[in-house]
PDB file of N, CA and C in Angstrom:
ATOM      1  N   MET A   1     -17.982  11.399   6.705  1.00  0.00           N
ATOM      2  CA  MET A   1     -18.025  12.710   7.299  1.00  0.00           C
ATOM      3  C   MET A   1     -16.809  13.470   6.798  1.00  0.00           C
ATOM      4  N   ASN A   2     -16.991  14.648   6.291  1.00  0.00           N
ATOM      5  CA  ASN A   2     -15.863  15.391   5.755  1.00  0.00           C
ATOM      6  C   ASN A   2     -15.372  16.443   6.736  1.00  0.00           C
ATOM      7  N   ALA A   3     -14.139  16.875   6.550  1.00  0.00           N
ATOM      8  CA  ALA A   3     -13.510  17.828   7.464  1.00  0.00           C
ATOM      9  C   ALA A   3     -14.272  19.153   7.563  1.00  0.00           C
ATOM     10  N   PRO A   4     -14.720  19.749   6.456  1.00  0.00           N
ATOM     11  CA  PRO A   4     -15.464  21.016   6.607  1.00  0.00           C
ATOM     12  C   PRO A   4     -16.714  20.877   7.461  1.00  0.00           C
ATOM     13  N   GLY A   5     -17.415  19.748   7.342  1.00  0.00           N
ATOM     14  CA  GLY A   5     -18.612  19.524   8.156  1.00  0.00           C
ATOM     15  C   GLY A   5     -18.280  19.464   9.638  1.00  0.00           C
ATOM     16  N   ILE A   6     -17.167  18.819   9.976  1.00  0.00           N
ATOM     17  CA  ILE A   6     -16.739  18.734  11.374  1.00  0.00           C
ATOM     18  C   ILE A   6     -16.327  20.107  11.894  1.00  0.00           C
ATOM     19  N   VAL A   7     -15.595  20.848  11.087  1.00  0.00           N
ATOM     20  CA  VAL A   7     -15.159  22.189  11.513  1.00  0.00           C
ATOM     21  C   VAL A   7     -16.366  23.070  11.796  1.00  0.00           C
ATOM     22  N   LEU A   8     -17.335  23.062  10.905  1.00  0.00           N
ATOM     23  CA  LEU A   8     -18.555  23.859  11.120  1.00  0.00           C
ATOM     24  C   LEU A   8     -19.325  23.370  12.339  1.00  0.00           C
ATOM     25  N   ALA A   9     -19.342  22.059  12.558  1.00  0.00           N
ATOM     26  CA  ALA A   9     -20.030  21.501  13.726  1.00  0.00           C
ATOM     27  C   ALA A   9     -19.355  21.957  15.017  1.00  0.00           C
ATOM     28  N   ILE A  10     -18.037  21.959  15.041  1.00  0.00           N
ATOM     29  CA  ILE A  10     -17.306  22.399  16.229  1.00  0.00           C
ATOM     30  C   ILE A  10     -17.586  23.867  16.513  1.00  0.00           C
ATOM     31  N   VAL A  11     -17.546  24.689  15.469  1.00  0.00           N
ATOM     32  CA  VAL A  11     -17.816  26.123  15.641  1.00  0.00           C
ATOM     33  C   VAL A  11     -19.243  26.347  16.153  1.00  0.00           C
ATOM     34  N   ALA A  12     -20.213  25.656  15.563  1.00  0.00           N
ATOM     35  CA  ALA A  12     -21.606  25.802  16.007  1.00  0.00           C
ATOM     36  C   ALA A  12     -21.770  25.323  17.448  1.00  0.00           C
ATOM     37  N   LEU A  13     -21.109  24.225  17.800  1.00  0.00           N
ATOM     38  CA  LEU A  13     -21.194  23.706  19.170  1.00  0.00           C
ATOM     39  C   LEU A  13     -20.627  24.725  20.156  1.00  0.00           C
ATOM     40  N   VAL A  14     -19.457  25.257  19.864  1.00  0.00           N
ATOM     41  CA  VAL A  14     -18.829  26.247  20.757  1.00  0.00           C
ATOM     42  C   VAL A  14     -19.701  27.486  20.868  1.00  0.00           C
ATOM     43  N   LYS A  15     -20.175  27.984  19.747  1.00  0.00           N
ATOM     44  CA  LYS A  15     -21.018  29.185  19.779  1.00  0.00           C
ATOM     45  C   LYS A  15     -22.313  28.935  20.553  1.00  0.00           C
ATOM     46  N   GLY A  16     -22.916  27.788  20.316  1.00  0.00           N
ATOM     47  CA  GLY A  16     -24.162  27.463  21.004  1.00  0.00           C
ATOM     48  C   GLY A  16     -23.987  27.260  22.497  1.00  0.00           C
ATOM     49  N   LEU A  17     -22.826  26.722  22.908  1.00  0.00           N
ATOM     50  CA  LEU A  17     -22.588  26.442  24.327  1.00  0.00           C
ATOM     51  C   LEU A  17     -22.084  27.650  25.103  1.00  0.00           C
ATOM     52  N   PHE A  18     -21.247  28.468  24.483  1.00  0.00           N
ATOM     53  CA  PHE A  18     -20.521  29.480  25.241  1.00  0.00           C
ATOM     54  C   PHE A  18     -20.903  30.930  24.943  1.00  0.00           C
ATOM     55  N   TYR A  19     -21.772  31.169  23.968  1.00  0.00           N
ATOM     56  CA  TYR A  19     -22.130  32.544  23.626  1.00  0.00           C
ATOM     57  C   TYR A  19     -23.544  32.887  24.077  1.00  0.00           C
ATOM     58  N   ASN A  20     -24.014  32.196  25.086  1.00  0.00           N
ATOM     59  CA  ASN A  20     -25.369  32.399  25.568  1.00  0.00           C
ATOM     60  C   ASN A  20     -25.381  32.095  27.071  1.00  0.00           C
ATOM     61  N   VAL A  21     -25.927  32.991  27.861  1.00  0.00           N
ATOM     62  CA  VAL A  21     -25.896  32.841  29.315  1.00  0.00           C
ATOM     63  C   VAL A  21     -26.632  31.590  29.777  1.00  0.00           C
ATOM     64  N   SER A  22     -27.812  31.324  29.223  1.00  0.00           N
ATOM     65  CA  SER A  22     -28.547  30.131  29.667  1.00  0.00           C
ATOM     66  C   SER A  22     -27.802  28.853  29.284  1.00  0.00           C
ATOM     67  N   SER A  23     -27.124  28.857  28.145  1.00  0.00           N
ATOM     68  CA  SER A  23     -26.312  27.702  27.753  1.00  0.00           C
ATOM     69  C   SER A  23     -25.142  27.510  28.695  1.00  0.00           C
ATOM     70  N   LEU A  24     -24.475  28.601  29.044  1.00  0.00           N
ATOM     71  CA  LEU A  24     -23.359  28.515  29.990  1.00  0.00           C
ATOM     72  C   LEU A  24     -23.819  27.934  31.322  1.00  0.00           C
ATOM     73  N   ASN A  25     -24.974  28.364  31.778  1.00  0.00           N
ATOM     74  CA  ASN A  25     -25.517  27.828  33.033  1.00  0.00           C
ATOM     75  C   ASN A  25     -25.817  26.334  32.922  1.00  0.00           C
ATOM     76  N   ALA A  26     -26.354  25.919  31.775  1.00  0.00           N
ATOM     77  CA  ALA A  26     -26.668  24.504  31.576  1.00  0.00           C
ATOM     78  C   ALA A  26     -25.392  23.658  31.510  1.00  0.00           C
ATOM     79  N   VAL A  27     -24.363  24.164  30.850  1.00  0.00           N
ATOM     80  CA  VAL A  27     -23.079  23.453  30.791  1.00  0.00           C
ATOM     81  C   VAL A  27     -22.480  23.360  32.190  1.00  0.00           C
ATOM     82  N   GLU A  28     -22.549  24.447  32.928  1.00  0.00           N
ATOM     83  CA  GLU A  28     -22.033  24.461  34.301  1.00  0.00           C
ATOM     84  C   GLU A  28     -22.752  23.426  35.158  1.00  0.00           C
ATOM     85  N   ALA A  29     -24.055  23.321  34.993  1.00  0.00           N
ATOM     86  CA  ALA A  29     -24.820  22.321  35.754  1.00  0.00           C
ATOM     87  C   ALA A  29     -24.433  20.905  35.354  1.00  0.00           C
ATOM     88  N   LEU A  30     -24.093  20.708  34.087  1.00  0.00           N
ATOM     89  CA  LEU A  30     -23.763  19.375  33.588  1.00  0.00           C
ATOM     90  C   LEU A  30     -22.361  18.926  34.001  1.00  0.00           C
ATOM     91  N   VAL A  31     -21.365  19.795  33.868  1.00  0.00           N
ATOM     92  CA  VAL A  31     -19.976  19.372  34.096  1.00  0.00           C
ATOM     93  C   VAL A  31     -19.179  20.308  34.999  1.00  0.00           C
ATOM     94  N   GLY A  32     -19.829  21.250  35.609  1.00  0.00           N
ATOM     95  CA  GLY A  32     -19.134  22.274  36.397  1.00  0.00           C
ATOM     96  C   GLY A  32     -18.369  21.769  37.599  1.00  0.00           C
ATOM     97  N   THR A  33     -18.699  20.600  38.091  1.00  0.00           N
ATOM     98  CA  THR A  33     -18.015  20.085  39.282  1.00  0.00           C
ATOM     99  C   THR A  33     -16.787  19.240  38.941  1.00  0.00           C
ATOM    100  N   TYR A  34     -16.524  19.034  37.660  1.00  0.00           N
ATOM    101  CA  TYR A  34     -15.392  18.187  37.262  1.00  0.00           C
ATOM    102  C   TYR A  34     -14.074  18.938  37.459  1.00  0.00           C
ATOM    103  N   ASP A  35     -13.148  18.317  38.192  1.00  0.00           N
ATOM    104  CA  ASP A  35     -11.816  18.893  38.335  1.00  0.00           C
ATOM    105  C   ASP A  35     -10.871  18.210  37.345  1.00  0.00           C
ATOM    106  N   LYS A  36      -9.598  18.606  37.354  1.00  0.00           N
ATOM    107  CA  LYS A  36      -8.624  18.086  36.399  1.00  0.00           C
ATOM    108  C   LYS A  36      -8.487  16.568  36.522  1.00  0.00           C
ATOM    109  N   ALA A  37      -8.446  16.046  37.732  1.00  0.00           N
ATOM    110  CA  ALA A  37      -8.306  14.602  37.930  1.00  0.00           C
ATOM    111  C   ALA A  37      -9.512  13.851  37.365  1.00  0.00           C
ATOM    112  N   THR A  38     -10.691  14.395  37.540  1.00  0.00           N
ATOM    113  CA  THR A  38     -11.903  13.770  37.013  1.00  0.00           C
ATOM    114  C   THR A  38     -11.882  13.757  35.492  1.00  0.00           C
ATOM    115  N   VAL A  39     -11.483  14.879  34.901  1.00  0.00           N
ATOM    116  CA  VAL A  39     -11.417  14.959  33.439  1.00  0.00           C
ATOM    117  C   VAL A  39     -10.394  13.962  32.901  1.00  0.00           C
ATOM    118  N   GLU A  40      -9.248  13.841  33.565  1.00  0.00           N
ATOM    119  CA  GLU A  40      -8.213  12.888  33.144  1.00  0.00           C
ATOM    120  C   GLU A  40      -8.752  11.453  33.222  1.00  0.00           C
ATOM    121  N   ALA A  41      -9.455  11.122  34.299  1.00  0.00           N
ATOM    122  CA  ALA A  41     -10.039   9.788  34.437  1.00  0.00           C
ATOM    123  C   ALA A  41     -11.094   9.533  33.357  1.00  0.00           C
ATOM    124  N   LEU A  42     -11.898  10.536  33.070  1.00  0.00           N
ATOM    125  CA  LEU A  42     -12.917  10.400  32.032  1.00  0.00           C
ATOM    126  C   LEU A  42     -12.287  10.225  30.659  1.00  0.00           C
ATOM    127  N   LEU A  43     -11.194  10.914  30.418  1.00  0.00           N
ATOM    128  CA  LEU A  43     -10.482  10.780  29.150  1.00  0.00           C
ATOM    129  C   LEU A  43      -9.987   9.349  28.974  1.00  0.00           C
ATOM    130  N   GLN A  44      -9.425   8.774  30.030  1.00  0.00           N
ATOM    131  CA  GLN A  44      -8.957   7.393  29.971  1.00  0.00           C
ATOM    132  C   GLN A  44     -10.117   6.433  29.693  1.00  0.00           C
ATOM    133  N   GLU A  45     -11.219   6.634  30.366  1.00  0.00           N
ATOM    134  CA  GLU A  45     -12.393   5.784  30.155  1.00  0.00           C
ATOM    135  C   GLU A  45     -12.919   5.929  28.735  1.00  0.00           C
ATOM    136  N   ALA A  46     -12.938   7.155  28.225  1.00  0.00           N
ATOM    137  CA  ALA A  46     -13.421   7.393  26.862  1.00  0.00           C
ATOM    138  C   ALA A  46     -12.524   6.707  25.837  1.00  0.00           C
ATOM    139  N   MET A  47     -11.226   6.679  26.096  1.00  0.00           N
ATOM    140  CA  MET A  47     -10.318   6.004  25.163  1.00  0.00           C
ATOM    141  C   MET A  47     -10.573   4.501  25.145  1.00  0.00           C
ATOM    142  N   CYS A  48     -11.003   3.961  26.256  1.00  0.00           N
ATOM    143  CA  CYS A  48     -11.291   2.514  26.323  1.00  0.00           C
ATOM    144  C   CYS A  48     -12.681   2.175  25.802  1.00  0.00           C
ATOM    145  N   TYR A  49     -13.659   2.997  26.109  1.00  0.00           N
ATOM    146  CA  TYR A  49     -15.054   2.648  25.839  1.00  0.00           C
ATOM    147  C   TYR A  49     -15.775   3.577  24.864  1.00  0.00           C
ATOM    148  N   GLY A  50     -15.101   4.588  24.362  1.00  0.00           N
ATOM    149  CA  GLY A  50     -15.736   5.511  23.426  1.00  0.00           C
ATOM    150  C   GLY A  50     -16.922   6.215  24.069  1.00  0.00           C
ATOM    151  N   LEU A  51     -17.961   6.395  23.309  1.00  0.00           N
ATOM    152  CA  LEU A  51     -19.146   7.089  23.814  1.00  0.00           C
ATOM    153  C   LEU A  51     -19.960   6.243  24.781  1.00  0.00           C
ATOM    154  N   GLU A  52     -19.558   4.996  24.968  1.00  0.00           N
ATOM    155  CA  GLU A  52     -20.214   4.147  25.962  1.00  0.00           C
ATOM    156  C   GLU A  52     -19.606   4.333  27.349  1.00  0.00           C
ATOM    157  N   ALA A  53     -18.537   5.112  27.465  1.00  0.00           N
ATOM    158  CA  ALA A  53     -17.944   5.407  28.770  1.00  0.00           C
ATOM    159  C   ALA A  53     -18.999   6.079  29.647  1.00  0.00           C
ATOM    160  N   HIS A  54     -18.873   5.884  30.951  1.00  0.00           N
ATOM    161  CA  HIS A  54     -19.864   6.434  31.883  1.00  0.00           C
ATOM    162  C   HIS A  54     -19.205   7.305  32.941  1.00  0.00           C
ATOM    163  N   THR A  55     -19.942   8.287  33.369  1.00  0.00           N
ATOM    164  CA  THR A  55     -19.586   9.102  34.513  1.00  0.00           C
ATOM    165  C   THR A  55     -20.870   9.515  35.212  1.00  0.00           C
ATOM    166  N   ASP A  56     -20.878   9.396  36.513  1.00  0.00           N
ATOM    167  CA  ASP A  56     -22.051   9.830  37.288  1.00  0.00           C
ATOM    168  C   ASP A  56     -23.363   9.307  36.698  1.00  0.00           C
ATOM    169  N   ASP A  57     -23.417   8.021  36.359  1.00  0.00           N
ATOM    170  CA  ASP A  57     -24.623   7.406  35.809  1.00  0.00           C
ATOM    171  C   ASP A  57     -25.050   7.978  34.465  1.00  0.00           C
ATOM    172  N   MET A  58     -24.116   8.590  33.741  1.00  0.00           N
ATOM    173  CA  MET A  58     -24.430   9.130  32.420  1.00  0.00           C
ATOM    174  C   MET A  58     -23.362   8.670  31.442  1.00  0.00           C
ATOM    175  N   SER A  59     -23.794   8.168  30.288  1.00  0.00           N
ATOM    176  CA  SER A  59     -22.826   7.778  29.267  1.00  0.00           C
ATOM    177  C   SER A  59     -22.342   9.032  28.542  1.00  0.00           C
ATOM    178  N   PHE A  60     -21.178   8.911  27.933  1.00  0.00           N
ATOM    179  CA  PHE A  60     -20.689  10.022  27.126  1.00  0.00           C
ATOM    180  C   PHE A  60     -21.650  10.303  25.986  1.00  0.00           C
ATOM    181  N   ARG A  61     -22.285   9.246  25.489  1.00  0.00           N
ATOM    182  CA  ARG A  61     -23.265   9.427  24.417  1.00  0.00           C
ATOM    183  C   ARG A  61     -24.411  10.323  24.893  1.00  0.00           C
ATOM    184  N   ASP A  62     -24.902  10.082  26.117  1.00  0.00           N
ATOM    185  CA  ASP A  62     -25.962  10.934  26.679  1.00  0.00           C
ATOM    186  C   ASP A  62     -25.454  12.345  26.933  1.00  0.00           C
ATOM    187  N   MET A  63     -24.195  12.451  27.395  1.00  0.00           N
ATOM    188  CA  MET A  63     -23.619  13.771  27.630  1.00  0.00           C
ATOM    189  C   MET A  63     -23.518  14.538  26.321  1.00  0.00           C
ATOM    190  N   LEU A  64     -23.068  13.865  25.255  1.00  0.00           N
ATOM    191  CA  LEU A  64     -22.992  14.504  23.945  1.00  0.00           C
ATOM    192  C   LEU A  64     -24.377  14.958  23.492  1.00  0.00           C
ATOM    193  N   SER A  65     -25.372  14.116  23.667  1.00  0.00           N
ATOM    194  CA  SER A  65     -26.738  14.505  23.296  1.00  0.00           C
ATOM    195  C   SER A  65     -27.202  15.724  24.078  1.00  0.00           C
ATOM    196  N   ASN A  66     -26.897  15.742  25.377  1.00  0.00           N
ATOM    197  CA  ASN A  66     -27.267  16.904  26.196  1.00  0.00           C
ATOM    198  C   ASN A  66     -26.552  18.161  25.714  1.00  0.00           C
ATOM    199  N   LEU A  67     -25.262  18.047  25.412  1.00  0.00           N
ATOM    200  CA  LEU A  67     -24.504  19.209  24.951  1.00  0.00           C
ATOM    201  C   LEU A  67     -25.030  19.703  23.605  1.00  0.00           C
ATOM    202  N   ILE A  68     -25.401  18.786  22.725  1.00  0.00           N
ATOM    203  CA  ILE A  68     -25.978  19.183  21.437  1.00  0.00           C
ATOM    204  C   ILE A  68     -27.291  19.927  21.663  1.00  0.00           C
ATOM    205  N   ASP A  69     -28.133  19.423  22.559  1.00  0.00           N
ATOM    206  CA  ASP A  69     -29.402  20.102  22.864  1.00  0.00           C
ATOM    207  C   ASP A  69     -29.163  21.484  23.456  1.00  0.00           C
ATOM    208  N   ILE A  70     -28.203  21.586  24.364  1.00  0.00           N
ATOM    209  CA  ILE A  70     -27.873  22.886  24.962  1.00  0.00           C
ATOM    210  C   ILE A  70     -27.402  23.847  23.875  1.00  0.00           C
ATOM    211  N   ALA A  71     -26.520  23.360  22.999  1.00  0.00           N
ATOM    212  CA  ALA A  71     -25.999  24.209  21.918  1.00  0.00           C
ATOM    213  C   ALA A  71     -27.118  24.640  20.969  1.00  0.00           C
ATOM    214  N   LYS A  72     -28.010  23.706  20.619  1.00  0.00           N
ATOM    215  CA  LYS A  72     -29.144  24.055  19.753  1.00  0.00           C
ATOM    216  C   LYS A  72     -29.986  25.161  20.375  1.00  0.00           C
ATOM    217  N   ASN A  73     -30.304  24.997  21.657  1.00  0.00           N
ATOM    218  CA  ASN A  73     -31.104  26.010  22.347  1.00  0.00           C
ATOM    219  C   ASN A  73     -30.367  27.343  22.389  1.00  0.00           C
ATOM    220  N   GLY A  74     -29.061  27.305  22.622  1.00  0.00           N
ATOM    221  CA  GLY A  74     -28.273  28.531  22.644  1.00  0.00           C
ATOM    222  C   GLY A  74     -28.278  29.238  21.308  1.00  0.00           C
ATOM    223  N   LEU A  75     -28.150  28.478  20.234  1.00  0.00           N
ATOM    224  CA  LEU A  75     -28.177  29.079  18.903  1.00  0.00           C
ATOM    225  C   LEU A  75     -29.564  29.623  18.577  1.00  0.00           C
ATOM    226  N   CYS A  76     -30.594  28.902  18.968  1.00  0.00           N
ATOM    227  CA  CYS A  76     -31.964  29.389  18.735  1.00  0.00           C
ATOM    228  C   CYS A  76     -32.235  30.652  19.548  1.00  0.00           C
ATOM    229  N   ASP A  77     -31.730  30.702  20.791  1.00  0.00           N
ATOM    230  CA  ASP A  77     -31.891  31.905  21.608  1.00  0.00           C
ATOM    231  C   ASP A  77     -31.220  33.114  20.958  1.00  0.00           C
ATOM    232  N   GLN A  78     -30.159  32.857  20.202  1.00  0.00           N
ATOM    233  CA  GLN A  78     -29.460  33.928  19.487  1.00  0.00           C
ATOM    234  C   GLN A  78     -30.135  34.235  18.150  1.00  0.00           C
ATOM    235  N   GLN A  79     -31.250  33.566  17.925  1.00  0.00           N
ATOM    236  CA  GLN A  79     -32.023  33.697  16.688  1.00  0.00           C
ATOM    237  C   GLN A  79     -31.170  33.362  15.472  1.00  0.00           C
ATOM    238  N   LYS A  80     -30.359  32.310  15.641  1.00  0.00           N
ATOM    239  CA  LYS A  80     -29.521  31.831  14.548  1.00  0.00           C
ATOM    240  C   LYS A  80     -30.020  30.453  14.129  1.00  0.00           C
ATOM    241  N   HIS A  81     -29.882  30.164  12.858  1.00  0.00           N
ATOM    242  CA  HIS A  81     -30.260  28.849  12.351  1.00  0.00           C
ATOM    243  C   HIS A  81     -29.030  27.970  12.158  1.00  0.00           C
ATOM    244  N   GLU A  82     -27.953  28.336  12.842  1.00  0.00           N
ATOM    245  CA  GLU A  82     -26.692  27.610  12.704  1.00  0.00           C
ATOM    246  C   GLU A  82     -26.730  26.229  13.342  1.00  0.00           C
ATOM    247  N   TYR A  83     -27.820  25.902  14.042  1.00  0.00           N
ATOM    248  CA  TYR A  83     -27.941  24.580  14.645  1.00  0.00           C
ATOM    249  C   TYR A  83     -27.886  23.475  13.584  1.00  0.00           C
ATOM    250  N   ILE A  84     -28.158  23.816  12.329  1.00  0.00           N
ATOM    251  CA  ILE A  84     -28.073  22.803  11.269  1.00  0.00           C
ATOM    252  C   ILE A  84     -26.652  22.266  11.120  1.00  0.00           C
ATOM    253  N   PHE A  85     -25.670  23.043  11.540  1.00  0.00           N
ATOM    254  CA  PHE A  85     -24.281  22.609  11.437  1.00  0.00           C
ATOM    255  C   PHE A  85     -23.918  21.566  12.497  1.00  0.00           C
ATOM    256  N   LEU A  86     -24.814  21.330  13.451  1.00  0.00           N
ATOM    257  CA  LEU A  86     -24.564  20.324  14.493  1.00  0.00           C
ATOM    258  C   LEU A  86     -24.866  18.905  14.013  1.00  0.00           C
ATOM    259  N   LYS A  87     -25.366  18.750  12.804  1.00  0.00           N
ATOM    260  CA  LYS A  87     -25.765  17.434  12.288  1.00  0.00           C
ATOM    261  C   LYS A  87     -24.684  16.356  12.423  1.00  0.00           C
ATOM    262  N   PRO A  88     -23.395  16.639  12.123  1.00  0.00           N
ATOM    263  CA  PRO A  88     -22.388  15.570  12.277  1.00  0.00           C
ATOM    264  C   PRO A  88     -22.302  15.051  13.710  1.00  0.00           C
ATOM    265  N   PHE A  89     -22.478  15.933  14.695  1.00  0.00           N
ATOM    266  CA  PHE A  89     -22.435  15.487  16.082  1.00  0.00           C
ATOM    267  C   PHE A  89     -23.688  14.722  16.451  1.00  0.00           C
ATOM    268  N   GLU A  90     -24.823  15.107  15.887  1.00  0.00           N
ATOM    269  CA  GLU A  90     -26.053  14.363  16.150  1.00  0.00           C
ATOM    270  C   GLU A  90     -25.921  12.933  15.636  1.00  0.00           C
ATOM    271  N   SER A  91     -25.357  12.782  14.444  1.00  0.00           N
ATOM    272  CA  SER A  91     -25.195  11.423  13.917  1.00  0.00           C
ATOM    273  C   SER A  91     -24.159  10.651  14.723  1.00  0.00           C
ATOM    274  N   LEU A  92     -23.134  11.325  15.223  1.00  0.00           N
ATOM    275  CA  LEU A  92     -22.144  10.660  16.069  1.00  0.00           C
ATOM    276  C   LEU A  92     -22.798  10.131  17.336  1.00  0.00           C
ATOM    277  N   ALA A  93     -23.706  10.887  17.912  1.00  0.00           N
ATOM    278  CA  ALA A  93     -24.381  10.466  19.135  1.00  0.00           C
ATOM    279  C   ALA A  93     -25.256   9.234  18.911  1.00  0.00           C
ATOM    280  N   LEU A  94     -25.621   8.961  17.662  1.00  0.00           N
ATOM    281  CA  LEU A  94     -26.471   7.814  17.354  1.00  0.00           C
ATOM    282  C   LEU A  94     -25.696   6.581  16.892  1.00  0.00           C
ATOM    283  N   LYS A  95     -24.420   6.744  16.583  1.00  0.00           N
ATOM    284  CA  LYS A  95     -23.632   5.638  16.039  1.00  0.00           C
ATOM    285  C   LYS A  95     -23.228   4.639  17.108  1.00  0.00           C
ATOM    286  N   ARG A  96     -22.876   3.473  16.686  1.00  0.00           N
ATOM    287  CA  ARG A  96     -22.414   2.426  17.585  1.00  0.00           C
ATOM    288  C   ARG A  96     -20.942   2.634  17.921  1.00  0.00           C
ATOM    289  N   ARG A  97     -20.462   1.914  18.933  1.00  0.00           N
ATOM    290  CA  ARG A  97     -19.120   2.114  19.471  1.00  0.00           C
ATOM    291  C   ARG A  97     -18.016   2.013  18.418  1.00  0.00           C
ATOM    292  N   ALA A  98     -18.004   1.002  17.576  1.00  0.00           N
ATOM    293  CA  ALA A  98     -16.931   0.832  16.593  1.00  0.00           C
ATOM    294  C   ALA A  98     -16.858   2.027  15.655  1.00  0.00           C
ATOM    295  N   GLU A  99     -18.002   2.544  15.269  1.00  0.00           N
ATOM    296  CA  GLU A  99     -18.019   3.689  14.374  1.00  0.00           C
ATOM    297  C   GLU A  99     -17.507   4.942  15.070  1.00  0.00           C
ATOM    298  N   ASP A 100     -17.936   5.163  16.328  1.00  0.00           N
ATOM    299  CA  ASP A 100     -17.501   6.388  16.988  1.00  0.00           C
ATOM    300  C   ASP A 100     -16.024   6.346  17.354  1.00  0.00           C
ATOM    301  N   LEU A 101     -15.469   5.176  17.598  1.00  0.00           N
ATOM    302  CA  LEU A 101     -14.031   5.097  17.851  1.00  0.00           C
ATOM    303  C   LEU A 101     -13.244   5.517  16.619  1.00  0.00           C
ATOM    304  N   ASN A 102     -13.695   5.100  15.450  1.00  0.00           N
ATOM    305  CA  ASN A 102     -13.026   5.517  14.217  1.00  0.00           C
ATOM    306  C   ASN A 102     -13.141   7.018  13.997  1.00  0.00           C
ATOM    307  N   ILE A 103     -14.312   7.573  14.244  1.00  0.00           N
ATOM    308  CA  ILE A 103     -14.513   9.013  14.066  1.00  0.00           C
ATOM    309  C   ILE A 103     -13.668   9.787  15.065  1.00  0.00           C
ATOM    310  N   LEU A 104     -13.709   9.382  16.335  1.00  0.00           N
ATOM    311  CA  LEU A 104     -12.917  10.086  17.351  1.00  0.00           C
ATOM    312  C   LEU A 104     -11.431   9.985  17.067  1.00  0.00           C
ATOM    313  N   ALA A 105     -10.981   8.848  16.597  1.00  0.00           N
ATOM    314  CA  ALA A 105      -9.566   8.690  16.264  1.00  0.00           C
ATOM    315  C   ALA A 105      -9.177   9.637  15.141  1.00  0.00           C
ATOM    316  N   SER A 106     -10.045   9.794  14.156  1.00  0.00           N
ATOM    317  CA  SER A 106      -9.727  10.678  13.041  1.00  0.00           C
ATOM    318  C   SER A 106      -9.688  12.145  13.475  1.00  0.00           C
ATOM    319  N   LEU A 107     -10.404  12.487  14.536  1.00  0.00           N
ATOM    320  CA  LEU A 107     -10.399  13.866  15.022  1.00  0.00           C
ATOM    321  C   LEU A 107      -9.245  14.143  15.974  1.00  0.00           C
ATOM    322  N   ASP A 108      -8.558  13.090  16.448  1.00  0.00           N
ATOM    323  CA  ASP A 108      -7.449  13.193  17.392  1.00  0.00           C
ATOM    324  C   ASP A 108      -7.873  13.995  18.625  1.00  0.00           C
ATOM    325  N   ILE A 109      -9.005  13.611  19.183  1.00  0.00           N
ATOM    326  CA  ILE A 109      -9.582  14.290  20.341  1.00  0.00           C
ATOM    327  C   ILE A 109      -8.646  14.234  21.546  1.00  0.00           C
ATOM    328  N   GLU A 110      -8.003  13.093  21.754  1.00  0.00           N
ATOM    329  CA  GLU A 110      -7.131  12.971  22.931  1.00  0.00           C
ATOM    330  C   GLU A 110      -6.033  14.034  22.906  1.00  0.00           C
ATOM    331  N   ARG A 111      -5.362  14.186  21.773  1.00  0.00           N
ATOM    332  CA  ARG A 111      -4.283  15.174  21.684  1.00  0.00           C
ATOM    333  C   ARG A 111      -4.837  16.583  21.934  1.00  0.00           C
ATOM    334  N   TYR A 112      -5.991  16.893  21.355  1.00  0.00           N
ATOM    335  CA  TYR A 112      -6.592  18.205  21.550  1.00  0.00           C
ATOM    336  C   TYR A 112      -6.917  18.442  23.018  1.00  0.00           C
ATOM    337  N   ILE A 113      -7.551  17.472  23.673  1.00  0.00           N
ATOM    338  CA  ILE A 113      -7.930  17.636  25.075  1.00  0.00           C
ATOM    339  C   ILE A 113      -6.698  17.810  25.936  1.00  0.00           C
ATOM    340  N   ARG A 114      -5.694  16.967  25.727  1.00  0.00           N
ATOM    341  CA  ARG A 114      -4.484  17.052  26.537  1.00  0.00           C
ATOM    342  C   ARG A 114      -3.742  18.376  26.339  1.00  0.00           C
ATOM    343  N   SER A 115      -3.695  18.865  25.104  1.00  0.00           N
ATOM    344  CA  SER A 115      -2.924  20.079  24.853  1.00  0.00           C
ATOM    345  C   SER A 115      -3.698  21.357  25.170  1.00  0.00           C
ATOM    346  N   ASN A 116      -5.026  21.315  25.118  1.00  0.00           N
ATOM    347  CA  ASN A 116      -5.800  22.547  25.284  1.00  0.00           C
ATOM    348  C   ASN A 116      -6.651  22.623  26.534  1.00  0.00           C
ATOM    349  N   LEU A 117      -7.015  21.474  27.085  1.00  0.00           N
ATOM    350  CA  LEU A 117      -7.951  21.514  28.198  1.00  0.00           C
ATOM    351  C   LEU A 117      -7.362  21.035  29.513  1.00  0.00           C
ATOM    352  N   LEU A 118      -6.244  20.323  29.477  1.00  0.00           N
ATOM    353  CA  LEU A 118      -5.662  19.811  30.733  1.00  0.00           C
ATOM    354  C   LEU A 118      -4.392  20.544  31.076  1.00  0.00           C
TER     355      LEU A 118
END
């Protein structure tokens, strides 16, 4: 997976999730009740278990799949074909734990979450 593909995937994910009212509502329904303590606990679990981490009877892998679907629908609602840029995340959602730990480590997700979201 190359850096430009990830950058485009992140941009498409953000645009698909946050630039559409129905997408915002779907994201709110999925994670809207999470407070800072919950997010911190989930971050710790994700560092230990990767996409196999669970919250509320849902794995992070399932959550990622749901977010990708929400983003795809949001981009389609905007009549954009930018959903093709979500491919790196789709493949990440299908990979096994050892592979996703390597990918997540290369993206330095923990540092990003801690510095920007907490």
